[in-house]
């Protein structure tokens, strides 16, 4: 719970409290009448739009007749987690809301699946590779590179997080920065692939066309079965976050992207190997 994104914890808490209220046979109006709260407070609290204090939590649980110590402690921890600053808080002033949400999902997920068509994923990049990609037009390069490196440190060191990456061969052959930089980057991929909770696959050119081969995407899965699968899509016009229970009308559900990922993983991709890296780097000469 300590590293969980506060916004994610708030949404999970709101869903739990709503379920507990319904199981107790209470309505939102019952809560308003009993605790002398405004209806807007109850509605926003159960929607995850506002935070809740430990005092308010205790009042709710007493009204719902929830006395199990384990459940009370779990919900109290969720309240405390929802009120903390995220670890990336010092970067948030210049961060878009969509990227802040992305970091929240990344920090809270138990499984991350990432497909990249033309570049090495951020969680696998060397510092030098990231420095080439991140623009310095606003003098923020060091900050964003440091953020990316900290994201990597947290993800790579978290053995409770399973990570699966599929790269198109284009991502390995595209020279970013210099040939020497790319050799170091590909060697880094081989090193990371030794981590027991991280798996890097590549789709060779010879495998042809496969599902979703043009569009990068990330799929987040969470420990709680009640949490939505979330998909993060990147395109030239910006980014888009899809929720399983609330998909955009003109977009596929995250579960469809997950199905495509499994198809590519099982039928088209192969584990990146020293032999494959040697073949790619030999073409740099």
C-alpha atoms as a PDB file:
ATOM      1  CA  UNK A   1       0.000   0.000   0.000  1.00  0.00           C
ATOM      2  CA  UNK A   2       2.904   2.378   0.710  1.00  0.00           C
ATOM      3  CA  UNK A   3       3.815   2.939  -2.955  1.00  0.00           C
ATOM      4  CA  UNK A   4       0.279   2.925  -4.280  1.00  0.00           C
ATOM      5  CA  UNK A   5      -0.847   6.023  -6.134  1.00  0.00           C
ATOM      6  CA  UNK A   6      -3.078   8.179  -3.868  1.00  0.00           C
ATOM      7  CA  UNK A   7      -5.658   8.760  -6.604  1.00  0.00           C
ATOM      8  CA  UNK A   8      -5.809   5.047  -7.343  1.00  0.00           C
ATOM      9  CA  UNK A   9      -6.169   4.284  -3.628  1.00  0.00           C
ATOM     10  CA  UNK A  10      -8.954   6.867  -3.381  1.00  0.00           C
ATOM     11  CA  UNK A  11     -10.894   5.284  -6.232  1.00  0.00           C
ATOM     12  CA  UNK A  12     -10.470   1.803  -4.759  1.00  0.00           C
ATOM     13  CA  UNK A  13     -11.582   3.045  -1.335  1.00  0.00           C
ATOM     14  CA  UNK A  14     -14.660   4.766  -2.752  1.00  0.00           C
ATOM     15  CA  UNK A  15     -15.724   1.567  -4.504  1.00  0.00           C
ATOM     16  CA  UNK A  16     -15.286  -0.455  -1.306  1.00  0.00           C
ATOM     17  CA  UNK A  17     -17.291   2.000   0.772  1.00  0.00           C
ATOM     18  CA  UNK A  18     -20.114   2.023  -1.746  1.00  0.00           C
ATOM     19  CA  UNK A  19     -20.208  -1.796  -1.720  1.00  0.00           C
ATOM     20  CA  UNK A  20     -20.207  -1.872   2.093  1.00  0.00           C
ATOM     21  CA  UNK A  21     -23.088   0.629   2.228  1.00  0.00           C
ATOM     22  CA  UNK A  22     -25.141  -1.410  -0.220  1.00  0.00           C
ATOM     23  CA  UNK A  23     -24.396  -4.646   1.678  1.00  0.00           C
ATOM     24  CA  UNK A  24     -25.602  -2.940   4.876  1.00  0.00           C
ATOM     25  CA  UNK A  25     -28.873  -2.070   3.153  1.00  0.00           C
ATOM     26  CA  UNK A  26     -28.303   1.678   3.468  1.00  0.00           C
ATOM     27  CA  UNK A  27     -28.940   4.427   0.918  1.00  0.00           C
ATOM     28  CA  UNK A  28     -26.948   7.590   0.372  1.00  0.00           C
ATOM     29  CA  UNK A  29     -29.861   9.503   1.945  1.00  0.00           C
ATOM     30  CA  UNK A  30     -29.570   7.281   5.037  1.00  0.00           C
ATOM     31  CA  UNK A  31     -25.927   8.375   5.360  1.00  0.00           C
ATOM     32  CA  UNK A  32     -26.909  12.029   4.968  1.00  0.00           C
ATOM     33  CA  UNK A  33     -29.598  11.762   7.637  1.00  0.00           C
ATOM     34  CA  UNK A  34     -27.455   9.813  10.112  1.00  0.00           C
ATOM     35  CA  UNK A  35     -24.183  11.727   9.831  1.00  0.00           C
ATOM     36  CA  UNK A  36     -25.628  15.133   8.915  1.00  0.00           C
ATOM     37  CA  UNK A  37     -23.502  15.333   5.772  1.00  0.00           C
ATOM     38  CA  UNK A  38     -24.471  16.980   2.519  1.00  0.00           C
ATOM     39  CA  UNK A  39     -25.640  14.696  -0.258  1.00  0.00           C
ATOM     40  CA  UNK A  40     -22.940  16.137  -2.522  1.00  0.00           C
ATOM     41  CA  UNK A  41     -20.264  15.003  -0.048  1.00  0.00           C
ATOM     42  CA  UNK A  42     -21.578  11.448  -0.042  1.00  0.00           C
ATOM     43  CA  UNK A  43     -21.930  11.305  -3.813  1.00  0.00           C
ATOM     44  CA  UNK A  44     -18.458  12.737  -4.462  1.00  0.00           C
ATOM     45  CA  UNK A  45     -16.906  10.515  -1.797  1.00  0.00           C
ATOM     46  CA  UNK A  46     -18.357   7.361  -3.370  1.00  0.00           C
ATOM     47  CA  UNK A  47     -17.266   8.554  -6.815  1.00  0.00           C
ATOM     48  CA  UNK A  48     -13.675   9.009  -5.611  1.00  0.00           C
ATOM     49  CA  UNK A  49     -13.781  12.738  -6.372  1.00  0.00           C
ATOM     50  CA  UNK A  50     -12.942  13.811  -2.815  1.00  0.00           C
ATOM     51  CA  UNK A  51     -10.851  12.353  -0.061  1.00  0.00           C
ATOM     52  CA  UNK A  52     -12.095  10.985   3.244  1.00  0.00           C
ATOM     53  CA  UNK A  53     -10.629  11.412   6.701  1.00  0.00           C
ATOM     54  CA  UNK A  54     -10.055   8.621   9.213  1.00  0.00           C
ATOM     55  CA  UNK A  55     -12.688  10.252  11.434  1.00  0.00           C
ATOM     56  CA  UNK A  56     -15.261  10.147   8.622  1.00  0.00           C
ATOM     57  CA  UNK A  57     -14.325   6.551   7.854  1.00  0.00           C
ATOM     58  CA  UNK A  58     -14.894   5.498  11.461  1.00  0.00           C
ATOM     59  CA  UNK A  59     -18.285   7.221  11.495  1.00  0.00           C
ATOM     60  CA  UNK A  60     -19.300   5.415   8.315  1.00  0.00           C
ATOM     61  CA  UNK A  61     -18.148   2.014   9.520  1.00  0.00           C
ATOM     62  CA  UNK A  62     -19.970   2.473  12.824  1.00  0.00           C
ATOM     63  CA  UNK A  63     -23.155   3.328  10.914  1.00  0.00           C
ATOM     64  CA  UNK A  64     -22.688   0.315   8.627  1.00  0.00           C
ATOM     65  CA  UNK A  65     -21.957  -1.871  11.695  1.00  0.00           C
ATOM     66  CA  UNK A  66     -18.573  -2.961  10.375  1.00  0.00           C
ATOM     67  CA  UNK A  67     -16.553  -4.165  13.378  1.00  0.00           C
ATOM     68  CA  UNK A  68     -14.142  -6.764  11.965  1.00  0.00           C
ATOM     69  CA  UNK A  69     -10.674  -5.463  13.021  1.00  0.00           C
ATOM     70  CA  UNK A  70      -8.934  -6.752   9.885  1.00  0.00           C
ATOM     71  CA  UNK A  71     -11.400  -5.017   7.587  1.00  0.00           C
ATOM     72  CA  UNK A  72     -11.298  -1.804   9.615  1.00  0.00           C
ATOM     73  CA  UNK A  73      -7.484  -1.773   9.542  1.00  0.00           C
ATOM     74  CA  UNK A  74      -7.415  -2.438   5.791  1.00  0.00           C
ATOM     75  CA  UNK A  75      -9.810   0.420   5.087  1.00  0.00           C
ATOM     76  CA  UNK A  76      -7.885   2.719   7.420  1.00  0.00           C
ATOM     77  CA  UNK A  77      -4.664   1.948   5.521  1.00  0.00           C
ATOM     78  CA  UNK A  78      -6.468   2.761   2.280  1.00  0.00           C
ATOM     79  CA  UNK A  79      -7.525   6.137   3.703  1.00  0.00           C
ATOM     80  CA  UNK A  80      -3.957   6.925   4.767  1.00  0.00           C
ATOM     81  CA  UNK A  81      -2.607   5.859   1.359  1.00  0.00           C
ATOM     82  CA  UNK A  82      -5.161   8.053  -0.421  1.00  0.00           C
ATOM     83  CA  UNK A  83      -4.033  11.141   1.493  1.00  0.00           C
ATOM     84  CA  UNK A  84      -0.297  10.839   0.794  1.00  0.00           C
ATOM     85  CA  UNK A  85       1.640  12.686  -1.848  1.00  0.00           C
ATOM     86  CA  UNK A  86       2.690  10.470  -4.777  1.00  0.00           C
ATOM     87  CA  UNK A  87       6.388   9.765  -5.030  1.00  0.00           C
ATOM     88  CA  UNK A  88       6.558  11.835  -8.222  1.00  0.00           C
ATOM     89  CA  UNK A  89       4.956  14.854  -6.556  1.00  0.00           C
ATOM     90  CA  UNK A  90       8.019  17.056  -7.034  1.00  0.00           C
ATOM     91  CA  UNK A  91       7.652  16.633 -10.796  1.00  0.00           C
ATOM     92  CA  UNK A  92       3.892  17.201 -10.961  1.00  0.00           C
ATOM     93  CA  UNK A  93       3.881  20.981 -11.483  1.00  0.00           C
ATOM     94  CA  UNK A  94       4.869  20.589 -15.134  1.00  0.00           C
ATOM     95  CA  UNK A  95       3.132  17.244 -15.672  1.00  0.00           C
ATOM     96  CA  UNK A  96      -0.042  16.736 -17.691  1.00  0.00           C
ATOM     97  CA  UNK A  97      -3.017  15.150 -15.935  1.00  0.00           C
ATOM     98  CA  UNK A  98      -2.956  12.184 -18.327  1.00  0.00           C
ATOM     99  CA  UNK A  99       0.696  11.453 -17.572  1.00  0.00           C
ATOM    100  CA  UNK A 100       0.017  11.793 -13.844  1.00  0.00           C
ATOM    101  CA  UNK A 101      -2.740   9.199 -14.241  1.00  0.00           C
ATOM    102  CA  UNK A 102      -0.337   7.005 -16.210  1.00  0.00           C
ATOM    103  CA  UNK A 103       2.204   7.101 -13.368  1.00  0.00           C
ATOM    104  CA  UNK A 104      -0.554   6.259 -10.925  1.00  0.00           C
ATOM    105  CA  UNK A 105      -1.478   3.146 -12.866  1.00  0.00           C
ATOM    106  CA  UNK A 106       2.173   2.211 -13.341  1.00  0.00           C
ATOM    107  CA  UNK A 107       2.836   2.503  -9.604  1.00  0.00           C
ATOM    108  CA  UNK A 108      -0.277   0.545  -8.593  1.00  0.00           C
ATOM    109  CA  UNK A 109      -0.267  -2.254 -11.176  1.00  0.00           C
ATOM    110  CA  UNK A 110       0.802  -5.818 -10.502  1.00  0.00           C
ATOM    111  CA  UNK A 111       1.171  -6.638 -14.219  1.00  0.00           C
ATOM    112  CA  UNK A 112       2.364  -4.284 -16.963  1.00  0.00           C
ATOM    113  CA  UNK A 113       2.321  -5.317 -20.619  1.00  0.00           C
ATOM    114  CA  UNK A 114       3.909  -2.929 -23.102  1.00  0.00           C
ATOM    115  CA  UNK A 115       4.071  -3.136 -26.891  1.00  0.00           C
ATOM    116  CA  UNK A 116       6.339  -0.707 -28.758  1.00  0.00           C
ATOM    117  CA  UNK A 117       6.595  -0.476 -32.514  1.00  0.00           C
ATOM    118  CA  UNK A 118       9.523   1.848 -33.146  1.00  0.00           C
ATOM    119  CA  UNK A 119      11.328   2.835 -29.926  1.00  0.00           C
ATOM    120  CA  UNK A 120      12.664   1.163 -26.787  1.00  0.00           C
ATOM    121  CA  UNK A 121      10.069   1.489 -23.964  1.00  0.00           C
ATOM    122  CA  UNK A 122      10.777   4.074 -21.280  1.00  0.00           C
ATOM    123  CA  UNK A 123      11.134   1.467 -18.520  1.00  0.00           C
ATOM    124  CA  UNK A 124      13.945  -0.210 -20.507  1.00  0.00           C
ATOM    125  CA  UNK A 125      15.905   2.801 -21.792  1.00  0.00           C
ATOM    126  CA  UNK A 126      19.434   3.666 -20.793  1.00  0.00           C
ATOM    127  CA  UNK A 127      19.957   7.197 -19.525  1.00  0.00           C
ATOM    128  CA  UNK A 128      21.804   8.122 -22.732  1.00  0.00           C
ATOM    129  CA  UNK A 129      18.986   6.801 -24.936  1.00  0.00           C
ATOM    130  CA  UNK A 130      16.424   8.749 -22.897  1.00  0.00           C
ATOM    131  CA  UNK A 131      18.491  11.934 -23.131  1.00  0.00           C
ATOM    132  CA  UNK A 132      18.385  11.780 -26.918  1.00  0.00           C
ATOM    133  CA  UNK A 133      14.614  11.283 -26.998  1.00  0.00           C
ATOM    134  CA  UNK A 134      13.588  13.843 -24.386  1.00  0.00           C
ATOM    135  CA  UNK A 135      13.513  17.379 -25.750  1.00  0.00           C
ATOM    136  CA  UNK A 136      15.412  20.131 -23.947  1.00  0.00           C
ATOM    137  CA  UNK A 137      13.303  22.913 -25.465  1.00  0.00           C
ATOM    138  CA  UNK A 138      12.071  24.067 -22.047  1.00  0.00           C
ATOM    139  CA  UNK A 139      15.207  23.288 -20.073  1.00  0.00           C
ATOM    140  CA  UNK A 140      13.530  20.299 -18.394  1.00  0.00           C
ATOM    141  CA  UNK A 141      15.568  17.473 -19.886  1.00  0.00           C
ATOM    142  CA  UNK A 142      17.421  16.534 -16.704  1.00  0.00           C
ATOM    143  CA  UNK A 143      14.195  16.501 -14.692  1.00  0.00           C
ATOM    144  CA  UNK A 144      12.341  14.219 -17.094  1.00  0.00           C
ATOM    145  CA  UNK A 145      15.307  11.903 -17.575  1.00  0.00           C
ATOM    146  CA  UNK A 146      15.700  11.628 -13.791  1.00  0.00           C
ATOM    147  CA  UNK A 147      11.992  10.855 -13.476  1.00  0.00           C
ATOM    148  CA  UNK A 148      12.311   8.091 -16.067  1.00  0.00           C
ATOM    149  CA  UNK A 149      15.306   6.601 -14.277  1.00  0.00           C
ATOM    150  CA  UNK A 150      13.459   6.665 -10.951  1.00  0.00           C
ATOM    151  CA  UNK A 151      10.475   4.937 -12.551  1.00  0.00           C
ATOM    152  CA  UNK A 152      12.830   2.232 -13.772  1.00  0.00           C
ATOM    153  CA  UNK A 153      14.450   1.799 -10.370  1.00  0.00           C
ATOM    154  CA  UNK A 154      11.089   1.318  -8.692  1.00  0.00           C
ATOM    155  CA  UNK A 155       9.770  -1.059 -11.357  1.00  0.00           C
ATOM    156  CA  UNK A 156      12.924  -3.149 -11.736  1.00  0.00           C
ATOM    157  CA  UNK A 157      13.300  -3.501  -7.975  1.00  0.00           C
ATOM    158  CA  UNK A 158       9.684  -4.534  -7.394  1.00  0.00           C
ATOM    159  CA  UNK A 159       9.537  -8.321  -7.606  1.00  0.00           C
ATOM    160  CA  UNK A 160       5.769  -8.220  -7.015  1.00  0.00           C
ATOM    161  CA  UNK A 161       5.371  -6.484 -10.378  1.00  0.00           C
ATOM    162  CA  UNK A 162       5.359  -8.670 -13.492  1.00  0.00           C
ATOM    163  CA  UNK A 163       6.472  -6.874 -16.683  1.00  0.00           C
ATOM    164  CA  UNK A 164       6.121  -8.096 -20.243  1.00  0.00           C
ATOM    165  CA  UNK A 165       7.513  -6.176 -23.209  1.00  0.00           C
ATOM    166  CA  UNK A 166       7.075  -6.889 -26.906  1.00  0.00           C
ATOM    167  CA  UNK A 167       9.218  -4.858 -29.310  1.00  0.00           C
ATOM    168  CA  UNK A 168       8.985  -4.753 -33.053  1.00  0.00           C
ATOM    169  CA  UNK A 169      12.387  -5.361 -34.669  1.00  0.00           C
ATOM    170  CA  UNK A 170      12.196  -1.746 -35.877  1.00  0.00           C
ATOM    171  CA  UNK A 171      12.779  -0.569 -32.296  1.00  0.00           C
ATOM    172  CA  UNK A 172      16.067  -2.461 -32.137  1.00  0.00           C
ATOM    173  CA  UNK A 173      17.350  -1.435 -35.558  1.00  0.00           C
ATOM    174  CA  UNK A 174      16.480   2.259 -35.370  1.00  0.00           C
ATOM    175  CA  UNK A 175      19.687   4.051 -34.366  1.00  0.00           C
ATOM    176  CA  UNK A 176      18.943   6.615 -31.683  1.00  0.00           C
ATOM    177  CA  UNK A 177      21.872   8.915 -30.948  1.00  0.00           C
ATOM    178  CA  UNK A 178      24.750   6.825 -32.225  1.00  0.00           C
ATOM    179  CA  UNK A 179      25.733   3.272 -33.018  1.00  0.00           C
ATOM    180  CA  UNK A 180      27.717   3.018 -29.774  1.00  0.00           C
ATOM    181  CA  UNK A 181      24.720   4.248 -27.798  1.00  0.00           C
ATOM    182  CA  UNK A 182      22.488   1.642 -29.457  1.00  0.00           C
ATOM    183  CA  UNK A 183      24.915  -1.188 -28.717  1.00  0.00           C
ATOM    184  CA  UNK A 184      24.864  -0.195 -25.058  1.00  0.00           C
ATOM    185  CA  UNK A 185      21.070  -0.003 -25.143  1.00  0.00           C
ATOM    186  CA  UNK A 186      20.676  -3.467 -26.623  1.00  0.00           C
ATOM    187  CA  UNK A 187      23.141  -4.909 -24.133  1.00  0.00           C
ATOM    188  CA  UNK A 188      21.020  -3.337 -21.412  1.00  0.00           C
ATOM    189  CA  UNK A 189      17.967  -5.190 -22.740  1.00  0.00           C
ATOM    190  CA  UNK A 190      19.808  -8.493 -22.388  1.00  0.00           C
ATOM    191  CA  UNK A 191      20.774  -7.623 -18.809  1.00  0.00           C
ATOM    192  CA  UNK A 192      17.216  -6.684 -17.866  1.00  0.00           C
ATOM    193  CA  UNK A 193      15.861  -9.874 -19.410  1.00  0.00           C
ATOM    194  CA  UNK A 194      17.693 -11.788 -16.689  1.00  0.00           C
ATOM    195  CA  UNK A 195      15.374 -10.321 -14.043  1.00  0.00           C
ATOM    196  CA  UNK A 196      12.892 -13.036 -13.012  1.00  0.00           C
ATOM    197  CA  UNK A 197       9.883 -10.694 -13.128  1.00  0.00           C
ATOM    198  CA  UNK A 198      10.702  -9.045 -16.480  1.00  0.00           C
ATOM    199  CA  UNK A 199      10.352 -10.570 -19.948  1.00  0.00           C
ATOM    200  CA  UNK A 200      11.411  -8.893 -23.214  1.00  0.00           C
ATOM    201  CA  UNK A 201      10.306 -10.323 -26.568  1.00  0.00           C
ATOM    202  CA  UNK A 202      10.918  -9.139 -30.107  1.00  0.00           C
ATOM    203  CA  UNK A 203       8.902  -9.657 -33.293  1.00  0.00           C
ATOM    204  CA  UNK A 204      11.332 -10.201 -36.201  1.00  0.00           C
ATOM    205  CA  UNK A 205      10.570  -8.618 -39.568  1.00  0.00           C
ATOM    206  CA  UNK A 206      10.212 -12.095 -41.055  1.00  0.00           C
ATOM    207  CA  UNK A 207       7.065 -12.718 -38.977  1.00  0.00           C
ATOM    208  CA  UNK A 208       5.195 -10.203 -41.121  1.00  0.00           C
ATOM    209  CA  UNK A 209       2.113  -8.275 -40.051  1.00  0.00           C
ATOM    210  CA  UNK A 210       0.480  -8.996 -36.706  1.00  0.00           C
ATOM    211  CA  UNK A 211      -2.335  -7.494 -34.563  1.00  0.00           C
ATOM    212  CA  UNK A 212      -1.867  -3.822 -33.613  1.00  0.00           C
ATOM    213  CA  UNK A 213       1.640  -3.689 -35.120  1.00  0.00           C
ATOM    214  CA  UNK A 214       1.398   0.065 -35.823  1.00  0.00           C
ATOM    215  CA  UNK A 215       0.290   1.408 -32.442  1.00  0.00           C
ATOM    216  CA  UNK A 216       2.197   1.413 -29.129  1.00  0.00           C
ATOM    217  CA  UNK A 217       0.115   0.556 -26.079  1.00  0.00           C
ATOM    218  CA  UNK A 218       0.460  -0.335 -22.401  1.00  0.00           C
ATOM    219  CA  UNK A 219      -1.941  -2.545 -20.433  1.00  0.00           C
ATOM    220  CA  UNK A 220      -2.171  -2.323 -16.648  1.00  0.00           C
ATOM    221  CA  UNK A 221      -3.635  -5.087 -14.490  1.00  0.00           C
ATOM    222  CA  UNK A 222      -4.165  -4.916 -10.731  1.00  0.00           C
ATOM    223  CA  UNK A 223      -4.246  -7.292  -7.773  1.00  0.00           C
ATOM    224  CA  UNK A 224      -7.870  -6.568  -6.860  1.00  0.00           C
ATOM    225  CA  UNK A 225     -10.184  -8.419  -9.243  1.00  0.00           C
ATOM    226  CA  UNK A 226     -12.652  -5.542  -8.936  1.00  0.00           C
ATOM    227  CA  UNK A 227     -10.168  -3.080 -10.447  1.00  0.00           C
ATOM    228  CA  UNK A 228     -10.553  -2.291 -14.129  1.00  0.00           C
ATOM    229  CA  UNK A 229      -7.981  -3.348 -16.672  1.00  0.00           C
ATOM    230  CA  UNK A 230      -6.606  -0.105 -18.107  1.00  0.00           C
ATOM    231  CA  UNK A 231      -5.029   0.516 -21.517  1.00  0.00           C
ATOM    232  CA  UNK A 232      -2.850   3.503 -22.378  1.00  0.00           C
ATOM    233  CA  UNK A 233      -2.607   4.301 -26.073  1.00  0.00           C
ATOM    234  CA  UNK A 234      -0.138   6.576 -27.822  1.00  0.00           C
ATOM    235  CA  UNK A 235      -0.679   8.205 -31.210  1.00  0.00           C
ATOM    236  CA  UNK A 236       0.599  11.282 -33.096  1.00  0.00           C
ATOM    237  CA  UNK A 237      -2.229  13.408 -31.672  1.00  0.00           C
ATOM    238  CA  UNK A 238      -1.530  12.546 -28.036  1.00  0.00           C
ATOM    239  CA  UNK A 239      -2.421   9.837 -25.549  1.00  0.00           C
ATOM    240  CA  UNK A 240      -5.617   8.120 -24.473  1.00  0.00           C
ATOM    241  CA  UNK A 241      -6.498   6.070 -21.394  1.00  0.00           C
ATOM    242  CA  UNK A 242      -9.194   3.394 -21.726  1.00  0.00           C
ATOM    243  CA  UNK A 243     -10.979   1.706 -18.845  1.00  0.00           C
ATOM    244  CA  UNK A 244     -12.584  -1.711 -19.220  1.00  0.00           C
ATOM    245  CA  UNK A 245     -15.877  -0.636 -17.662  1.00  0.00           C
ATOM    246  CA  UNK A 246     -15.938   2.784 -19.313  1.00  0.00           C
ATOM    247  CA  UNK A 247     -14.401   2.496 -22.805  1.00  0.00           C
ATOM    248  CA  UNK A 248     -14.572   5.316 -25.321  1.00  0.00           C
ATOM    249  CA  UNK A 249     -17.418   4.828 -27.774  1.00  0.00           C
ATOM    250  CA  UNK A 250     -15.096   4.614 -30.773  1.00  0.00           C
ATOM    251  CA  UNK A 251     -12.339   2.549 -29.130  1.00  0.00           C
ATOM    252  CA  UNK A 252     -11.888  -1.105 -28.275  1.00  0.00           C
ATOM    253  CA  UNK A 253     -11.886  -2.226 -24.649  1.00  0.00           C
ATOM    254  CA  UNK A 254      -8.573  -2.835 -22.842  1.00  0.00           C
ATOM    255  CA  UNK A 255      -9.378  -6.557 -22.782  1.00  0.00           C
ATOM    256  CA  UNK A 256      -9.233  -6.528 -26.602  1.00  0.00           C
ATOM    257  CA  UNK A 257      -5.703  -5.083 -26.467  1.00  0.00           C
ATOM    258  CA  UNK A 258      -4.812  -7.733 -23.894  1.00  0.00           C
ATOM    259  CA  UNK A 259      -6.084 -10.449 -26.228  1.00  0.00           C
ATOM    260  CA  UNK A 260      -4.003  -9.026 -29.088  1.00  0.00           C
ATOM    261  CA  UNK A 261      -0.935  -8.890 -26.837  1.00  0.00           C
ATOM    262  CA  UNK A 262      -1.361 -12.583 -25.999  1.00  0.00           C
ATOM    263  CA  UNK A 263      -1.711 -13.446 -29.680  1.00  0.00           C
ATOM    264  CA  UNK A 264       1.493 -11.614 -30.598  1.00  0.00           C
ATOM    265  CA  UNK A 265       3.280 -13.083 -27.583  1.00  0.00           C
ATOM    266  CA  UNK A 266       2.311 -16.630 -28.449  1.00  0.00           C
ATOM    267  CA  UNK A 267       2.399 -16.639 -32.251  1.00  0.00           C
ATOM    268  CA  UNK A 268       4.817 -13.956 -33.474  1.00  0.00           C
ATOM    269  CA  UNK A 269       7.334 -12.911 -30.812  1.00  0.00           C
ATOM    270  CA  UNK A 270      10.474 -14.585 -29.548  1.00  0.00           C
ATOM    271  CA  UNK A 271      12.694 -13.898 -26.575  1.00  0.00           C
ATOM    272  CA  UNK A 272      15.412 -11.392 -27.292  1.00  0.00           C
ATOM    273  CA  UNK A 273      18.719 -13.259 -27.371  1.00  0.00           C
ATOM    274  CA  UNK A 274      22.440 -12.434 -27.547  1.00  0.00           C
ATOM    275  CA  UNK A 275      22.478 -13.897 -31.064  1.00  0.00           C
ATOM    276  CA  UNK A 276      19.672 -11.601 -32.187  1.00  0.00           C
ATOM    277  CA  UNK A 277      21.398  -8.568 -30.653  1.00  0.00           C
ATOM    278  CA  UNK A 278      24.690  -9.509 -32.332  1.00  0.00           C
ATOM    279  CA  UNK A 279      22.936  -9.739 -35.684  1.00  0.00           C
ATOM    280  CA  UNK A 280      21.354  -6.309 -35.238  1.00  0.00           C
ATOM    281  CA  UNK A 281      24.510  -4.569 -34.030  1.00  0.00           C
ATOM    282  CA  UNK A 282      26.528  -6.108 -36.860  1.00  0.00           C
ATOM    283  CA  UNK A 283      24.348  -4.127 -39.270  1.00  0.00           C
ATOM    284  CA  UNK A 284      25.488  -0.890 -37.617  1.00  0.00           C
ATOM    285  CA  UNK A 285      28.967  -1.273 -39.058  1.00  0.00           C
END
